[in-house]
Amino acid sequence: MALITLTDESFNPTVEDNKIVIIDFWAAWCGPCKSFAPIFEKTAEKYPDIAFAKLNTEEQQGIASHFQIRSIPTTMILKEQVVVFQEAGVLPEPAFIDIIEQVQALDMDMVRSEIAKQSAEAEAEEK
């Protein structure tokens, strides 16, 4: 699958239509972003069943703000429309591949159950 360029218009369909979406938040002026780009692109070729997307934080400030992106590059992984990983900085290729494999193995029923449990606990603390 070719790299996807995320925009306001393409964000939701991309996340909704793909089981796993890996997003590289970047900007043209960012040196570390330029060094991570080849790693991101090379890794995308290894996983044709995963959507690899790039989001230019200068052009898509609304999305970057929604996800509270404060440093770039930031890599975010969504599985079944849930953010399961987010990290700022350049990921070395072996670490990036390891993270992808961990995400592929995630039991999303267990993740959703844990999210619900944490939400219930937070609500109980507020009362």
N, C-alpha and C. Protein backbone atom coordinates (compact mmCIF):
# COMPACT_ATOMS: atom_id res chain seq x y z
N MET A 1 0.85 -1.18 0.00
CA MET A 1 0.00 0.00 0.00
C MET A 1 0.89 1.24 0.00
N ALA A 2 0.54 2.20 -0.82
CA ALA A 2 1.30 3.44 -0.88
C ALA A 2 1.06 4.27 0.38
N LEU A 3 1.99 5.16 0.68
CA LEU A 3 1.80 6.04 1.83
C LEU A 3 0.61 6.94 1.58
N ILE A 4 -0.16 7.16 2.63
CA ILE A 4 -1.34 8.01 2.56
C ILE A 4 -0.98 9.37 3.13
N THR A 5 -1.40 10.43 2.46
CA THR A 5 -1.25 11.78 2.99
C THR A 5 -2.55 12.14 3.69
N LEU A 6 -2.49 12.33 5.00
CA LEU A 6 -3.70 12.62 5.75
C LEU A 6 -4.04 14.10 5.70
N THR A 7 -5.33 14.36 5.53
CA THR A 7 -5.89 15.71 5.55
C THR A 7 -7.16 15.65 6.38
N ASP A 8 -7.79 16.80 6.59
CA ASP A 8 -9.07 16.82 7.29
C ASP A 8 -10.08 15.90 6.60
N GLU A 9 -10.05 15.89 5.26
CA GLU A 9 -11.01 15.11 4.49
C GLU A 9 -10.70 13.60 4.52
N SER A 10 -9.44 13.23 4.54
CA SER A 10 -9.09 11.81 4.43
C SER A 10 -8.86 11.13 5.78
N PHE A 11 -8.79 11.90 6.86
CA PHE A 11 -8.45 11.30 8.15
C PHE A 11 -9.47 10.24 8.58
N ASN A 12 -10.73 10.64 8.73
CA ASN A 12 -11.74 9.69 9.23
C ASN A 12 -11.90 8.47 8.33
N PRO A 13 -12.03 8.64 7.00
CA PRO A 13 -12.15 7.44 6.15
C PRO A 13 -10.93 6.51 6.28
N THR A 14 -9.75 7.07 6.41
CA THR A 14 -8.55 6.24 6.54
C THR A 14 -8.60 5.43 7.83
N VAL A 15 -8.96 6.07 8.93
CA VAL A 15 -9.01 5.38 10.22
C VAL A 15 -10.16 4.36 10.26
N GLU A 16 -11.28 4.71 9.66
CA GLU A 16 -12.45 3.83 9.69
C GLU A 16 -12.29 2.62 8.76
N ASP A 17 -11.57 2.78 7.66
CA ASP A 17 -11.49 1.73 6.64
C ASP A 17 -10.29 0.79 6.80
N ASN A 18 -9.45 1.03 7.79
CA ASN A 18 -8.25 0.21 7.99
C ASN A 18 -8.18 -0.27 9.43
N LYS A 19 -7.85 -1.55 9.60
CA LYS A 19 -7.77 -2.12 10.94
C LYS A 19 -6.65 -1.46 11.74
N ILE A 20 -5.48 -1.26 11.09
CA ILE A 20 -4.34 -0.61 11.74
C ILE A 20 -3.89 0.56 10.88
N VAL A 21 -3.72 1.71 11.52
CA VAL A 21 -3.22 2.90 10.83
C VAL A 21 -2.04 3.43 11.63
N ILE A 22 -0.91 3.60 10.96
CA ILE A 22 0.29 4.16 11.58
C ILE A 22 0.50 5.54 10.99
N ILE A 23 0.56 6.54 11.86
CA ILE A 23 0.67 7.93 11.42
C ILE A 23 2.01 8.51 11.83
N ASP A 24 2.66 9.14 10.87
CA ASP A 24 3.89 9.90 11.11
C ASP A 24 3.51 11.38 11.08
N PHE A 25 3.51 12.02 12.24
CA PHE A 25 3.28 13.47 12.33
C PHE A 25 4.63 14.14 12.09
N TRP A 26 4.72 15.02 11.10
CA TRP A 26 6.00 15.59 10.68
C TRP A 26 5.80 17.02 10.18
N ALA A 27 6.92 17.69 9.89
CA ALA A 27 6.91 19.01 9.23
C ALA A 27 8.16 19.10 8.35
N ALA A 28 8.06 19.89 7.31
CA ALA A 28 9.14 20.00 6.32
C ALA A 28 10.43 20.57 6.93
N TRP A 29 10.32 21.44 7.93
CA TRP A 29 11.50 22.09 8.51
C TRP A 29 12.19 21.22 9.57
N CYS A 30 11.63 20.08 9.90
CA CYS A 30 12.09 19.24 11.01
C CYS A 30 13.17 18.26 10.57
N GLY A 31 14.39 18.45 11.06
CA GLY A 31 15.50 17.57 10.73
C GLY A 31 15.28 16.12 11.15
N PRO A 32 14.89 15.86 12.41
CA PRO A 32 14.63 14.49 12.81
C PRO A 32 13.51 13.82 11.98
N CYS A 33 12.54 14.62 11.55
CA CYS A 33 11.47 14.08 10.69
C CYS A 33 12.06 13.56 9.38
N LYS A 34 13.01 14.32 8.85
CA LYS A 34 13.66 13.91 7.59
C LYS A 34 14.46 12.62 7.78
N SER A 35 15.05 12.43 8.96
CA SER A 35 15.82 11.21 9.18
C SER A 35 14.90 10.01 9.45
N PHE A 36 13.69 10.24 9.97
CA PHE A 36 12.76 9.14 10.22
C PHE A 36 12.01 8.73 8.96
N ALA A 37 11.83 9.64 8.03
CA ALA A 37 11.04 9.36 6.81
C ALA A 37 11.47 8.09 6.08
N PRO A 38 12.78 7.87 5.82
CA PRO A 38 13.15 6.64 5.12
C PRO A 38 12.84 5.37 5.92
N ILE A 39 12.95 5.43 7.23
CA ILE A 39 12.62 4.29 8.09
C ILE A 39 11.13 3.99 7.97
N PHE A 40 10.32 5.04 8.03
CA PHE A 40 8.86 4.90 7.94
C PHE A 40 8.48 4.30 6.59
N GLU A 41 9.06 4.83 5.51
CA GLU A 41 8.74 4.36 4.17
C GLU A 41 9.19 2.93 3.94
N LYS A 42 10.38 2.58 4.40
CA LYS A 42 10.90 1.21 4.24
C LYS A 42 10.04 0.22 5.02
N THR A 43 9.65 0.59 6.22
CA THR A 43 8.82 -0.28 7.05
C THR A 43 7.44 -0.45 6.43
N ALA A 44 6.91 0.60 5.83
CA ALA A 44 5.60 0.52 5.18
C ALA A 44 5.59 -0.55 4.09
N GLU A 45 6.69 -0.69 3.39
CA GLU A 45 6.78 -1.69 2.32
C GLU A 45 6.69 -3.11 2.87
N LYS A 46 7.12 -3.32 4.11
CA LYS A 46 7.10 -4.65 4.73
C LYS A 46 5.72 -5.07 5.21
N TYR A 47 4.81 -4.11 5.36
CA TYR A 47 3.49 -4.39 5.91
C TYR A 47 2.40 -3.83 4.99
N PRO A 48 2.15 -4.48 3.86
CA PRO A 48 1.18 -3.96 2.89
C PRO A 48 -0.27 -3.98 3.41
N ASP A 49 -0.53 -4.75 4.47
CA ASP A 49 -1.88 -4.82 5.02
C ASP A 49 -2.18 -3.74 6.05
N ILE A 50 -1.19 -2.90 6.34
CA ILE A 50 -1.33 -1.81 7.31
C ILE A 50 -1.30 -0.48 6.56
N ALA A 51 -2.15 0.44 6.99
CA ALA A 51 -2.16 1.78 6.39
C ALA A 51 -1.09 2.64 7.06
N PHE A 52 -0.12 3.09 6.29
CA PHE A 52 0.92 4.00 6.76
C PHE A 52 0.58 5.38 6.22
N ALA A 53 0.45 6.34 7.12
CA ALA A 53 0.01 7.68 6.72
C ALA A 53 0.95 8.75 7.27
N LYS A 54 1.08 9.82 6.51
CA LYS A 54 1.90 10.95 6.94
C LYS A 54 0.98 12.16 7.10
N LEU A 55 1.19 12.89 8.20
CA LEU A 55 0.40 14.07 8.46
C LEU A 55 1.33 15.25 8.70
N ASN A 56 1.28 16.21 7.79
CA ASN A 56 2.09 17.41 7.90
C ASN A 56 1.44 18.33 8.94
N THR A 57 2.11 18.50 10.08
CA THR A 57 1.53 19.26 11.18
C THR A 57 1.36 20.75 10.87
N GLU A 58 2.12 21.25 9.91
CA GLU A 58 1.98 22.65 9.52
C GLU A 58 0.71 22.86 8.69
N GLU A 59 0.38 21.87 7.86
CA GLU A 59 -0.78 21.98 6.98
C GLU A 59 -2.06 21.48 7.63
N GLN A 60 -1.94 20.59 8.59
CA GLN A 60 -3.12 19.98 9.24
C GLN A 60 -3.08 20.25 10.75
N GLN A 61 -3.06 21.51 11.09
CA GLN A 61 -2.92 21.90 12.49
C GLN A 61 -4.08 21.45 13.37
N GLY A 62 -5.27 21.36 12.79
CA GLY A 62 -6.44 20.94 13.57
C GLY A 62 -6.30 19.52 14.08
N ILE A 63 -5.87 18.61 13.21
CA ILE A 63 -5.70 17.21 13.61
C ILE A 63 -4.54 17.10 14.61
N ALA A 64 -3.44 17.78 14.32
CA ALA A 64 -2.29 17.74 15.22
C ALA A 64 -2.69 18.26 16.61
N SER A 65 -3.47 19.31 16.64
CA SER A 65 -3.93 19.87 17.91
C SER A 65 -4.87 18.91 18.63
N HIS A 66 -5.76 18.27 17.89
CA HIS A 66 -6.70 17.31 18.48
C HIS A 66 -5.95 16.20 19.22
N PHE A 67 -4.85 15.74 18.65
CA PHE A 67 -4.07 14.66 19.26
C PHE A 67 -2.97 15.20 20.17
N GLN A 68 -2.97 16.51 20.40
CA GLN A 68 -2.02 17.17 21.31
C GLN A 68 -0.57 16.85 20.94
N ILE A 69 -0.27 16.96 19.64
CA ILE A 69 1.09 16.72 19.17
C ILE A 69 1.93 17.93 19.56
N ARG A 70 2.93 17.71 20.40
CA ARG A 70 3.77 18.80 20.90
C ARG A 70 5.19 18.71 20.36
N SER A 71 5.60 17.53 19.92
CA SER A 71 6.95 17.31 19.38
C SER A 71 6.83 16.49 18.11
N ILE A 72 7.73 16.75 17.19
CA ILE A 72 7.75 15.95 15.96
C ILE A 72 9.18 15.50 15.70
N PRO A 73 9.34 14.36 15.06
CA PRO A 73 8.26 13.49 14.62
C PRO A 73 7.58 12.80 15.80
N THR A 74 6.31 12.52 15.63
CA THR A 74 5.56 11.68 16.56
C THR A 74 4.94 10.56 15.75
N THR A 75 5.08 9.36 16.24
CA THR A 75 4.47 8.20 15.61
C THR A 75 3.27 7.79 16.47
N MET A 76 2.13 7.61 15.80
CA MET A 76 0.92 7.18 16.48
C MET A 76 0.38 5.96 15.75
N ILE A 77 -0.10 4.99 16.51
CA ILE A 77 -0.70 3.80 15.90
C ILE A 77 -2.12 3.65 16.46
N LEU A 78 -3.06 3.51 15.53
CA LEU A 78 -4.44 3.24 15.88
C LEU A 78 -4.78 1.83 15.41
N LYS A 79 -5.43 1.08 16.28
CA LYS A 79 -5.93 -0.25 15.91
C LYS A 79 -7.42 -0.26 16.20
N GLU A 80 -8.19 -0.56 15.18
CA GLU A 80 -9.65 -0.56 15.29
C GLU A 80 -10.13 0.76 15.88
N GLN A 81 -9.56 1.85 15.39
CA GLN A 81 -9.95 3.23 15.72
C GLN A 81 -9.60 3.65 17.15
N VAL A 82 -8.73 2.89 17.82
CA VAL A 82 -8.29 3.23 19.17
C VAL A 82 -6.79 3.51 19.12
N VAL A 83 -6.38 4.64 19.72
CA VAL A 83 -4.95 4.94 19.80
C VAL A 83 -4.31 3.97 20.79
N VAL A 84 -3.39 3.14 20.29
CA VAL A 84 -2.75 2.14 21.14
C VAL A 84 -1.26 2.42 21.36
N PHE A 85 -0.72 3.39 20.62
CA PHE A 85 0.69 3.73 20.77
C PHE A 85 0.89 5.16 20.29
N GLN A 86 1.71 5.91 21.03
CA GLN A 86 2.12 7.24 20.61
C GLN A 86 3.46 7.55 21.25
N GLU A 87 4.41 7.96 20.40
CA GLU A 87 5.73 8.32 20.92
C GLU A 87 6.37 9.38 20.04
N ALA A 88 6.94 10.37 20.69
CA ALA A 88 7.68 11.41 19.98
C ALA A 88 9.12 10.97 19.81
N GLY A 89 9.72 11.42 18.71
CA GLY A 89 11.12 11.12 18.46
C GLY A 89 11.29 10.12 17.34
N VAL A 90 12.52 9.96 16.92
CA VAL A 90 12.85 9.04 15.84
C VAL A 90 12.92 7.62 16.41
N LEU A 91 12.15 6.73 15.82
CA LEU A 91 12.21 5.33 16.22
C LEU A 91 13.20 4.59 15.33
N PRO A 92 14.15 3.88 15.91
CA PRO A 92 15.04 3.05 15.09
C PRO A 92 14.20 1.94 14.43
N GLU A 93 14.61 1.51 13.25
CA GLU A 93 13.83 0.52 12.52
C GLU A 93 13.51 -0.74 13.32
N PRO A 94 14.48 -1.36 14.03
CA PRO A 94 14.13 -2.58 14.80
C PRO A 94 13.06 -2.32 15.87
N ALA A 95 13.14 -1.18 16.53
CA ALA A 95 12.14 -0.85 17.57
C ALA A 95 10.78 -0.60 16.93
N PHE A 96 10.77 0.07 15.79
CA PHE A 96 9.53 0.36 15.07
C PHE A 96 8.85 -0.96 14.67
N ILE A 97 9.61 -1.88 14.13
CA ILE A 97 9.07 -3.18 13.72
C ILE A 97 8.55 -3.95 14.93
N ASP A 98 9.27 -3.91 16.03
CA ASP A 98 8.84 -4.60 17.26
C ASP A 98 7.50 -4.03 17.74
N ILE A 99 7.36 -2.73 17.71
CA ILE A 99 6.11 -2.09 18.15
C ILE A 99 4.96 -2.51 17.24
N ILE A 100 5.20 -2.52 15.93
CA ILE A 100 4.15 -2.92 14.99
C ILE A 100 3.70 -4.35 15.28
N GLU A 101 4.64 -5.24 15.52
CA GLU A 101 4.29 -6.63 15.80
C GLU A 101 3.52 -6.76 17.11
N GLN A 102 3.86 -5.96 18.10
CA GLN A 102 3.11 -5.97 19.35
C GLN A 102 1.68 -5.48 19.13
N VAL A 103 1.53 -4.43 18.31
CA VAL A 103 0.19 -3.90 18.02
C VAL A 103 -0.63 -4.94 17.26
N GLN A 104 -0.01 -5.63 16.30
CA GLN A 104 -0.74 -6.66 15.56
C GLN A 104 -1.27 -7.74 16.50
N ALA A 105 -0.54 -8.05 17.55
CA ALA A 105 -0.91 -9.11 18.49
C ALA A 105 -1.89 -8.66 19.57
N LEU A 106 -2.14 -7.36 19.67
CA LEU A 106 -3.02 -6.85 20.73
C LEU A 106 -4.42 -7.42 20.63
N ASP A 107 -4.97 -7.81 21.77
CA ASP A 107 -6.36 -8.25 21.88
C ASP A 107 -7.20 -6.99 22.15
N MET A 108 -7.91 -6.53 21.14
CA MET A 108 -8.63 -5.27 21.28
C MET A 108 -9.84 -5.38 22.22
N ASP A 109 -10.40 -6.56 22.39
CA ASP A 109 -11.47 -6.72 23.38
C ASP A 109 -10.93 -6.43 24.78
N MET A 110 -9.71 -6.92 25.05
CA MET A 110 -9.08 -6.68 26.34
C MET A 110 -8.75 -5.18 26.49
N VAL A 111 -8.27 -4.55 25.42
CA VAL A 111 -7.94 -3.12 25.47
C VAL A 111 -9.20 -2.31 25.76
N ARG A 112 -10.29 -2.59 25.05
CA ARG A 112 -11.54 -1.85 25.27
C ARG A 112 -12.07 -2.07 26.69
N SER A 113 -11.93 -3.28 27.20
CA SER A 113 -12.35 -3.59 28.56
C SER A 113 -11.55 -2.76 29.57
N GLU A 114 -10.25 -2.66 29.34
CA GLU A 114 -9.38 -1.88 30.23
C GLU A 114 -9.73 -0.39 30.16
N ILE A 115 -10.02 0.11 28.97
CA ILE A 115 -10.41 1.51 28.81
C ILE A 115 -11.70 1.78 29.57
N ALA A 116 -12.68 0.89 29.44
CA ALA A 116 -13.95 1.05 30.15
C ALA A 116 -13.75 1.03 31.66
N LYS A 117 -12.89 0.14 32.12
CA LYS A 117 -12.61 0.03 33.56
C LYS A 117 -11.98 1.33 34.07
N GLN A 118 -11.00 1.86 33.33
CA GLN A 118 -10.35 3.10 33.75
C GLN A 118 -11.32 4.28 33.72
N SER A 119 -12.21 4.31 32.74
CA SER A 119 -13.21 5.38 32.68
C SER A 119 -14.14 5.32 33.88
N ALA A 120 -14.57 4.11 34.23
CA ALA A 120 -15.46 3.94 35.38
C ALA A 120 -14.78 4.36 36.67
N GLU A 121 -13.49 4.00 36.81
CA GLU A 121 -12.75 4.39 38.00
C GLU A 121 -12.58 5.91 38.08
N ALA A 122 -12.32 6.53 36.95
CA ALA A 122 -12.17 7.99 36.92
C ALA A 122 -13.48 8.68 37.29
N GLU A 123 -14.60 8.15 36.79
CA GLU A 123 -15.91 8.72 37.12
C GLU A 123 -16.20 8.57 38.61
N ALA A 124 -15.86 7.41 39.16
CA ALA A 124 -16.09 7.16 40.58
C ALA A 124 -15.27 8.12 41.45
N GLU A 125 -14.04 8.42 41.03
CA GLU A 125 -13.19 9.34 41.79
C GLU A 125 -13.73 10.78 41.76
N GLU A 126 -14.40 11.14 40.66
CA GLU A 126 -14.93 12.49 40.54
C GLU A 126 -16.14 12.70 41.44
N LYS A 127 -16.80 11.63 41.83
CA LYS A 127 -18.04 11.75 42.64
C LYS A 127 -17.74 11.92 44.09
